[in-house]
PDB file of N, CA and C in Angstrom:
ATOM      1  N   MET A   1      17.489 105.654 110.622  1.00  0.00           N
ATOM      2  CA  MET A   1      17.954 104.286 110.497  1.00  0.00           C
ATOM      3  C   MET A   1      19.413 104.306 110.077  1.00  0.00           C
ATOM      4  N   ASN A   2      20.303 103.838 110.944  1.00  0.00           N
ATOM      5  CA  ASN A   2      21.734 103.853 110.684  1.00  0.00           C
ATOM      6  C   ASN A   2      22.161 103.047 109.473  1.00  0.00           C
ATOM      7  N   TRP A   3      21.513 101.957 109.202  1.00  0.00           N
ATOM      8  CA  TRP A   3      21.966 101.070 108.134  1.00  0.00           C
ATOM      9  C   TRP A   3      21.752 101.623 106.733  1.00  0.00           C
ATOM     10  N   VAL A   4      21.066 102.733 106.588  1.00  0.00           N
ATOM     11  CA  VAL A   4      20.891 103.335 105.272  1.00  0.00           C
ATOM     12  C   VAL A   4      21.777 104.566 105.058  1.00  0.00           C
ATOM     13  N   ASN A   5      22.556 104.946 106.073  1.00  0.00           N
ATOM     14  CA  ASN A   5      23.462 106.091 105.924  1.00  0.00           C
ATOM     15  C   ASN A   5      24.628 105.748 105.009  1.00  0.00           C
ATOM     16  N   LYS A   6      25.312 106.775 104.545  1.00  0.00           N
ATOM     17  CA  LYS A   6      26.468 106.584 103.675  1.00  0.00           C
ATOM     18  C   LYS A   6      27.527 105.761 104.401  1.00  0.00           C
ATOM     19  N   CYS A   7      28.055 104.797 103.702  1.00  0.00           N
ATOM     20  CA  CYS A   7      29.059 103.893 104.259  1.00  0.00           C
ATOM     21  C   CYS A   7      30.421 104.581 104.269  1.00  0.00           C
ATOM     22  N   LYS A   8      31.079 104.589 105.410  1.00  0.00           N
ATOM     23  CA  LYS A   8      32.422 105.146 105.488  1.00  0.00           C
ATOM     24  C   LYS A   8      33.407 104.060 105.069  1.00  0.00           C
ATOM     25  N   LEU A   9      34.274 104.395 104.147  1.00  0.00           N
ATOM     26  CA  LEU A   9      35.263 103.438 103.681  1.00  0.00           C
ATOM     27  C   LEU A   9      36.339 103.258 104.736  1.00  0.00           C
ATOM     28  N   PRO A  10      36.906 102.049 104.828  1.00  0.00           N
ATOM     29  CA  PRO A  10      37.937 101.810 105.846  1.00  0.00           C
ATOM     30  C   PRO A  10      39.211 102.594 105.520  1.00  0.00           C
ATOM     31  N   ALA A  11      39.945 102.921 106.555  1.00  0.00           N
ATOM     32  CA  ALA A  11      41.229 103.602 106.359  1.00  0.00           C
ATOM     33  C   ALA A  11      42.202 102.643 105.686  1.00  0.00           C
ATOM     34  N   ILE A  12      43.081 103.193 104.903  1.00  0.00           N
ATOM     35  CA  ILE A  12      44.068 102.377 104.204  1.00  0.00           C
ATOM     36  C   ILE A  12      45.338 102.348 105.037  1.00  0.00           C
ATOM     37  N   GLU A  13      45.886 101.156 105.212  1.00  0.00           N
ATOM     38  CA  GLU A  13      47.114 101.016 105.973  1.00  0.00           C
ATOM     39  C   GLU A  13      48.283 100.899 105.002  1.00  0.00           C
ATOM     40  N   MET A  14      49.340 101.599 105.287  1.00  0.00           N
ATOM     41  CA  MET A  14      50.515 101.596 104.424  1.00  0.00           C
ATOM     42  C   MET A  14      51.201 100.233 104.473  1.00  0.00           C
ATOM     43  N   ILE A  15      51.730  99.804 103.342  1.00  0.00           N
ATOM     44  CA  ILE A  15      52.501  98.557 103.293  1.00  0.00           C
ATOM     45  C   ILE A  15      53.838  98.812 103.962  1.00  0.00           C
ATOM     46  N   LYS A  16      54.185  97.919 104.890  1.00  0.00           N
ATOM     47  CA  LYS A  16      55.447  98.042 105.606  1.00  0.00           C
ATOM     48  C   LYS A  16      56.269  96.781 105.393  1.00  0.00           C
ATOM     49  N   TYR A  17      57.582  96.943 105.396  1.00  0.00           N
ATOM     50  CA  TYR A  17      58.499  95.818 105.287  1.00  0.00           C
ATOM     51  C   TYR A  17      59.614  96.037 106.294  1.00  0.00           C
ATOM     52  N   ASN A  18      59.844  95.040 107.139  1.00  0.00           N
ATOM     53  CA  ASN A  18      60.821  95.149 108.232  1.00  0.00           C
ATOM     54  C   ASN A  18      60.545  96.363 109.114  1.00  0.00           C
ATOM     55  N   GLY A  19      59.260  96.661 109.303  1.00  0.00           N
ATOM     56  CA  GLY A  19      58.864  97.756 110.168  1.00  0.00           C
ATOM     57  C   GLY A  19      58.926  99.137 109.540  1.00  0.00           C
ATOM     58  N   ASN A  20      59.360  99.220 108.281  1.00  0.00           N
ATOM     59  CA  ASN A  20      59.483 100.516 107.604  1.00  0.00           C
ATOM     60  C   ASN A  20      58.448 100.632 106.493  1.00  0.00           C
ATOM     61  N   PRO A  21      57.848 101.810 106.325  1.00  0.00           N
ATOM     62  CA  PRO A  21      56.869 101.978 105.246  1.00  0.00           C
ATOM     63  C   PRO A  21      57.545 101.924 103.873  1.00  0.00           C
ATOM     64  N   CYS A  22      56.845 101.363 102.909  1.00  0.00           N
ATOM     65  CA  CYS A  22      57.346 101.301 101.531  1.00  0.00           C
ATOM     66  C   CYS A  22      56.905 102.572 100.811  1.00  0.00           C
ATOM     67  N   LEU A  23      57.767 103.576 100.829  1.00  0.00           N
ATOM     68  CA  LEU A  23      57.433 104.880 100.253  1.00  0.00           C
ATOM     69  C   LEU A  23      57.891 105.007  98.808  1.00  0.00           C
ATOM     70  N   LYS A  24      58.812 104.164  98.397  1.00  0.00           N
ATOM     71  CA  LYS A  24      59.341 104.204  97.037  1.00  0.00           C
ATOM     72  C   LYS A  24      59.033 102.886  96.353  1.00  0.00           C
ATOM     73  N   LEU A  25      58.957 102.919  95.041  1.00  0.00           N
ATOM     74  CA  LEU A  25      58.686 101.708  94.274  1.00  0.00           C
ATOM     75  C   LEU A  25      59.737 100.634  94.546  1.00  0.00           C
ATOM     76  N   ALA A  26      60.993 101.033  94.681  1.00  0.00           N
ATOM     77  CA  ALA A  26      62.064 100.069  94.964  1.00  0.00           C
ATOM     78  C   ALA A  26      61.840  99.374  96.311  1.00  0.00           C
ATOM     79  N   ASP A  27      61.339 100.122  97.305  1.00  0.00           N
ATOM     80  CA  ASP A  27      61.047  99.537  98.617  1.00  0.00           C
ATOM     81  C   ASP A  27      59.914  98.522  98.520  1.00  0.00           C
ATOM     82  N   LEU A  28      58.886  98.879  97.774  1.00  0.00           N
ATOM     83  CA  LEU A  28      57.752  97.969  97.593  1.00  0.00           C
ATOM     84  C   LEU A  28      58.205  96.713  96.863  1.00  0.00           C
ATOM     85  N   TRP A  29      59.012  96.888  95.822  1.00  0.00           N
ATOM     86  CA  TRP A  29      59.520  95.730  95.083  1.00  0.00           C
ATOM     87  C   TRP A  29      60.315  94.815  96.016  1.00  0.00           C
ATOM     88  N   GLN A  30      61.182  95.374  96.835  1.00  0.00           N
ATOM     89  CA  GLN A  30      61.990  94.572  97.759  1.00  0.00           C
ATOM     90  C   GLN A  30      61.097  93.796  98.730  1.00  0.00           C
ATOM     91  N   ALA A  31      60.057  94.441  99.226  1.00  0.00           N
ATOM     92  CA  ALA A  31      59.144  93.781 100.160  1.00  0.00           C
ATOM     93  C   ALA A  31      58.424  92.614  99.480  1.00  0.00           C
ATOM     94  N   LEU A  32      57.889  92.848  98.284  1.00  0.00           N
ATOM     95  CA  LEU A  32      57.169  91.789  97.577  1.00  0.00           C
ATOM     96  C   LEU A  32      58.114  90.678  97.135  1.00  0.00           C
ATOM     97  N   HIS A  33      59.293  91.040  96.649  1.00  0.00           N
ATOM     98  CA  HIS A  33      60.282  90.069  96.189  1.00  0.00           C
ATOM     99  C   HIS A  33      60.730  89.172  97.340  1.00  0.00           C
ATOM    100  N   SER A  34      61.026  89.769  98.476  1.00  0.00           N
ATOM    101  CA  SER A  34      61.467  88.996  99.638  1.00  0.00           C
ATOM    102  C   SER A  34      60.361  88.092 100.165  1.00  0.00           C
ATOM    103  N   SER A  35      59.133  88.610 100.190  1.00  0.00           N
ATOM    104  CA  SER A  35      58.004  87.796 100.666  1.00  0.00           C
ATOM    105  C   SER A  35      57.783  86.600  99.758  1.00  0.00           C
ATOM    106  N   PHE A  36      57.839  86.831  98.456  1.00  0.00           N
ATOM    107  CA  PHE A  36      57.652  85.735  97.508  1.00  0.00           C
ATOM    108  C   PHE A  36      58.754  84.697  97.668  1.00  0.00           C
ATOM    109  N   ASN A  37      60.000  85.152  97.718  1.00  0.00           N
ATOM    110  CA  ASN A  37      61.118  84.214  97.812  1.00  0.00           C
ATOM    111  C   ASN A  37      61.095  83.410  99.101  1.00  0.00           C
ATOM    112  N   SER A  38      60.631  84.006 100.184  1.00  0.00           N
ATOM    113  CA  SER A  38      60.595  83.269 101.454  1.00  0.00           C
ATOM    114  C   SER A  38      59.476  82.225 101.462  1.00  0.00           C
ATOM    115  N   ALA A  39      58.454  82.408 100.626  1.00  0.00           N
ATOM    116  CA  ALA A  39      57.327  81.468 100.593  1.00  0.00           C
ATOM    117  C   ALA A  39      57.389  80.511  99.408  1.00  0.00           C
ATOM    118  N   GLN A  40      58.286  80.758  98.472  1.00  0.00           N
ATOM    119  CA  GLN A  40      58.296  80.037  97.200  1.00  0.00           C
ATOM    120  C   GLN A  40      58.375  78.519  97.351  1.00  0.00           C
ATOM    121  N   PHE A  41      59.214  78.006  98.198  1.00  0.00           N
ATOM    122  CA  PHE A  41      59.405  76.562  98.286  1.00  0.00           C
ATOM    123  C   PHE A  41      58.843  75.960  99.574  1.00  0.00           C
ATOM    124  N   GLN A  42      57.959  76.695 100.233  1.00  0.00           N
ATOM    125  CA  GLN A  42      57.341  76.177 101.451  1.00  0.00           C
ATOM    126  C   GLN A  42      56.344  75.081 101.102  1.00  0.00           C
ATOM    127  N   ILE A  43      56.326  74.044 101.898  1.00  0.00           N
ATOM    128  CA  ILE A  43      55.358  72.965 101.710  1.00  0.00           C
ATOM    129  C   ILE A  43      54.022  73.432 102.285  1.00  0.00           C
ATOM    130  N   ILE A  44      52.978  73.236 101.524  1.00  0.00           N
ATOM    131  CA  ILE A  44      51.657  73.655 101.991  1.00  0.00           C
ATOM    132  C   ILE A  44      50.767  72.438 102.193  1.00  0.00           C
ATOM    133  N   ASP A  45      49.845  72.564 103.083  1.00  0.00           N
ATOM    134  CA  ASP A  45      48.891  71.506 103.377  1.00  0.00           C
ATOM    135  C   ASP A  45      47.565  71.864 102.731  1.00  0.00           C
ATOM    136  N   GLU A  46      47.309  71.302 101.564  1.00  0.00           N
ATOM    137  CA  GLU A  46      46.089  71.632 100.819  1.00  0.00           C
ATOM    138  C   GLU A  46      44.831  71.035 101.441  1.00  0.00           C
ATOM    139  N   THR A  47      44.984  70.132 102.396  1.00  0.00           N
ATOM    140  CA  THR A  47      43.812  69.509 103.009  1.00  0.00           C
ATOM    141  C   THR A  47      42.998  70.517 103.822  1.00  0.00           C
ATOM    142  N   VAL A  48      43.592  71.657 104.199  1.00  0.00           N
ATOM    143  CA  VAL A  48      42.823  72.666 104.932  1.00  0.00           C
ATOM    144  C   VAL A  48      41.681  73.192 104.071  1.00  0.00           C
ATOM    145  N   LEU A  49      41.804  73.091 102.746  1.00  0.00           N
ATOM    146  CA  LEU A  49      40.732  73.537 101.858  1.00  0.00           C
ATOM    147  C   LEU A  49      39.499  72.653 101.980  1.00  0.00           C
ATOM    148  N   ASN A  50      39.683  71.414 102.419  1.00  0.00           N
ATOM    149  CA  ASN A  50      38.546  70.498 102.586  1.00  0.00           C
ATOM    150  C   ASN A  50      37.616  70.956 103.706  1.00  0.00           C
ATOM    151  N   GLU A  51      38.114  71.781 104.600  1.00  0.00           N
ATOM    152  CA  GLU A  51      37.306  72.260 105.722  1.00  0.00           C
ATOM    153  C   GLU A  51      36.395  73.419 105.330  1.00  0.00           C
ATOM    154  N   LEU A  52      36.632  74.011 104.173  1.00  0.00           N
ATOM    155  CA  LEU A  52      35.813  75.139 103.734  1.00  0.00           C
ATOM    156  C   LEU A  52      34.441  74.663 103.281  1.00  0.00           C
ATOM    157  N   GLU A  53      33.458  75.462 103.585  1.00  0.00           N
ATOM    158  CA  GLU A  53      32.098  75.140 103.178  1.00  0.00           C
ATOM    159  C   GLU A  53      31.976  75.236 101.660  1.00  0.00           C
ATOM    160  N   SER A  54      31.317  74.265 101.076  1.00  0.00           N
ATOM    161  CA  SER A  54      31.143  74.243  99.627  1.00  0.00           C
ATOM    162  C   SER A  54      29.811  74.890  99.258  1.00  0.00           C
ATOM    163  N   PHE A  55      29.838  75.743  98.248  1.00  0.00           N
ATOM    164  CA  PHE A  55      28.634  76.404  97.765  1.00  0.00           C
ATOM    165  C   PHE A  55      28.337  75.945  96.346  1.00  0.00           C
ATOM    166  N   PRO A  56      27.078  75.821  95.997  1.00  0.00           N
ATOM    167  CA  PRO A  56      26.755  75.407  94.626  1.00  0.00           C
ATOM    168  C   PRO A  56      27.148  76.491  93.622  1.00  0.00           C
ATOM    169  N   SER A  57      27.541  76.067  92.454  1.00  0.00           N
ATOM    170  CA  SER A  57      27.880  77.018  91.398  1.00  0.00           C
ATOM    171  C   SER A  57      26.618  77.694  90.890  1.00  0.00           C
ATOM    172  N   SER A  58      26.766  78.919  90.442  1.00  0.00           N
ATOM    173  CA  SER A  58      25.620  79.607  89.857  1.00  0.00           C
ATOM    174  C   SER A  58      25.997  80.059  88.452  1.00  0.00           C
ATOM    175  N   MET A  59      25.036  80.070  87.581  1.00  0.00           N
ATOM    176  CA  MET A  59      25.265  80.451  86.199  1.00  0.00           C
ATOM    177  C   MET A  59      25.118  81.964  86.050  1.00  0.00           C
ATOM    178  N   TRP A  60      25.945  82.546  85.205  1.00  0.00           N
ATOM    179  CA  TRP A  60      25.879  83.963  84.896  1.00  0.00           C
ATOM    180  C   TRP A  60      25.118  84.135  83.597  1.00  0.00           C
ATOM    181  N   LEU A  61      24.274  85.133  83.564  1.00  0.00           N
ATOM    182  CA  LEU A  61      23.626  85.488  82.317  1.00  0.00           C
ATOM    183  C   LEU A  61      24.628  86.251  81.461  1.00  0.00           C
ATOM    184  N   ASP A  62      24.547  86.095  80.162  1.00  0.00           N
ATOM    185  CA  ASP A  62      25.429  86.832  79.268  1.00  0.00           C
ATOM    186  C   ASP A  62      25.175  88.337  79.396  1.00  0.00           C
ATOM    187  N   PHE A  63      26.258  89.126  79.326  1.00  0.00           N
ATOM    188  CA  PHE A  63      26.133  90.580  79.339  1.00  0.00           C
ATOM    189  C   PHE A  63      27.215  91.156  78.441  1.00  0.00           C
ATOM    190  N   SER A  64      26.945  92.345  77.949  1.00  0.00           N
ATOM    191  CA  SER A  64      27.880  92.989  77.026  1.00  0.00           C
ATOM    192  C   SER A  64      28.868  93.867  77.796  1.00  0.00           C
ATOM    193  N   GLU A  65      29.922  94.259  77.119  1.00  0.00           N
ATOM    194  CA  GLU A  65      30.897  95.170  77.712  1.00  0.00           C
ATOM    195  C   GLU A  65      30.229  96.505  78.055  1.00  0.00           C
ATOM    196  N   GLU A  66      29.298  96.923  77.204  1.00  0.00           N
ATOM    197  CA  GLU A  66      28.584  98.180  77.449  1.00  0.00           C
ATOM    198  C   GLU A  66      27.743  98.087  78.723  1.00  0.00           C
ATOM    199  N   GLU A  67      27.058  96.956  78.935  1.00  0.00           N
ATOM    200  CA  GLU A  67      26.257  96.777  80.147  1.00  0.00           C
ATOM    201  C   GLU A  67      27.140  96.802  81.389  1.00  0.00           C
ATOM    202  N   LEU A  68      28.310  96.167  81.311  1.00  0.00           N
ATOM    203  CA  LEU A  68      29.230  96.150  82.441  1.00  0.00           C
ATOM    204  C   LEU A  68      29.731  97.558  82.750  1.00  0.00           C
ATOM    205  N   THR A  69      30.160  98.270  81.717  1.00  0.00           N
ATOM    206  CA  THR A  69      30.650  99.634  81.890  1.00  0.00           C
ATOM    207  C   THR A  69      29.570 100.528  82.487  1.00  0.00           C
ATOM    208  N   CYS A  70      28.359 100.416  81.988  1.00  0.00           N
ATOM    209  CA  CYS A  70      27.245 101.227  82.491  1.00  0.00           C
ATOM    210  C   CYS A  70      26.982 100.915  83.962  1.00  0.00           C
ATOM    211  N   ALA A  71      27.015  99.637  84.321  1.00  0.00           N
ATOM    212  CA  ALA A  71      26.768  99.243  85.709  1.00  0.00           C
ATOM    213  C   ALA A  71      27.843  99.802  86.637  1.00  0.00           C
ATOM    214  N   ILE A  72      29.096  99.761  86.203  1.00  0.00           N
ATOM    215  CA  ILE A  72      30.193 100.263  87.037  1.00  0.00           C
ATOM    216  C   ILE A  72      30.101 101.777  87.202  1.00  0.00           C
ATOM    217  N   VAL A  73      29.826 102.476  86.113  1.00  0.00           N
ATOM    218  CA  VAL A  73      29.731 103.941  86.155  1.00  0.00           C
ATOM    219  C   VAL A  73      28.588 104.380  87.071  1.00  0.00           C
ATOM    220  N   ASN A  74      27.504 103.629  87.085  1.00  0.00           N
ATOM    221  CA  ASN A  74      26.338 104.005  87.880  1.00  0.00           C
ATOM    222  C   ASN A  74      26.372 103.504  89.318  1.00  0.00           C
ATOM    223  N   CYS A  75      27.480 102.870  89.719  1.00  0.00           N
ATOM    224  CA  CYS A  75      27.587 102.367  91.095  1.00  0.00           C
ATOM    225  C   CYS A  75      27.736 103.525  92.072  1.00  0.00           C
ATOM    226  N   SER A  76      27.101 103.382  93.192  1.00  0.00           N
ATOM    227  CA  SER A  76      27.235 104.348  94.269  1.00  0.00           C
ATOM    228  C   SER A  76      28.456 103.971  95.100  1.00  0.00           C
ATOM    229  N   ASP A  77      29.069 104.940  95.756  1.00  0.00           N
ATOM    230  CA  ASP A  77      30.206 104.625  96.619  1.00  0.00           C
ATOM    231  C   ASP A  77      29.759 104.217  98.027  1.00  0.00           C
ATOM    232  N   SER A  78      28.459 104.148  98.249  1.00  0.00           N
ATOM    233  CA  SER A  78      27.975 103.780  99.578  1.00  0.00           C
ATOM    234  C   SER A  78      27.134 102.508  99.584  1.00  0.00           C
ATOM    235  N   PHE A  79      27.017 101.839  98.459  1.00  0.00           N
ATOM    236  CA  PHE A  79      26.230 100.603  98.383  1.00  0.00           C
ATOM    237  C   PHE A  79      26.987  99.553  97.575  1.00  0.00           C
ATOM    238  N   ALA A  80      26.712  98.307  97.863  1.00  0.00           N
ATOM    239  CA  ALA A  80      27.285  97.209  97.094  1.00  0.00           C
ATOM    240  C   ALA A  80      26.620  97.192  95.720  1.00  0.00           C
ATOM    241  N   PRO A  81      27.382  96.900  94.648  1.00  0.00           N
ATOM    242  CA  PRO A  81      26.805  96.892  93.313  1.00  0.00           C
ATOM    243  C   PRO A  81      25.995  95.612  93.057  1.00  0.00           C
ATOM    244  N   SER A  82      24.884  95.501  93.714  1.00  0.00           N
ATOM    245  CA  SER A  82      24.019  94.332  93.540  1.00  0.00           C
ATOM    246  C   SER A  82      22.556  94.777  93.645  1.00  0.00           C
ATOM    247  N   PRO A  83      21.642  93.922  93.215  1.00  0.00           N
ATOM    248  CA  PRO A  83      20.233  94.317  93.244  1.00  0.00           C
ATOM    249  C   PRO A  83      19.698  94.651  94.636  1.00  0.00           C
ATOM    250  N   ASP A  84      20.280  94.032  95.698  1.00  0.00           N
ATOM    251  CA  ASP A  84      19.731  94.266  97.034  1.00  0.00           C
ATOM    252  C   ASP A  84      20.230  95.578  97.661  1.00  0.00           C
ATOM    253  N   LYS A  85      21.244  96.215  97.084  1.00  0.00           N
ATOM    254  CA  LYS A  85      21.766  97.504  97.548  1.00  0.00           C
ATOM    255  C   LYS A  85      22.164  97.490  99.026  1.00  0.00           C
ATOM    256  N   VAL A  86      22.812  96.408  99.467  1.00  0.00           N
ATOM    257  CA  VAL A  86      23.256  96.319 100.844  1.00  0.00           C
ATOM    258  C   VAL A  86      24.351  97.343 101.077  1.00  0.00           C
ATOM    259  N   SER A  87      24.251  98.095 102.154  1.00  0.00           N
ATOM    260  CA  SER A  87      25.279  99.111 102.418  1.00  0.00           C
ATOM    261  C   SER A  87      26.399  98.509 103.244  1.00  0.00           C
TER     262      SER A  87
END
């Protein structure tokens, strides 16, 4: 059954700016800085959010930091960290 095999993680694509890979921190900063500045004063149409399907809120049960840490440490790299273990 294919759906129970180990999940292959997707390949990571390098961040590029102006067609060049950001290999240095300064390059990455320039890419993020320029992107932010070009979008900073753009007018946005918030009405597009009205088209999104609305889901009911769900309540979370209280949990401790220890429970969270234990859950993360015990996570498999081939399954979603949820009770249904969807791969």
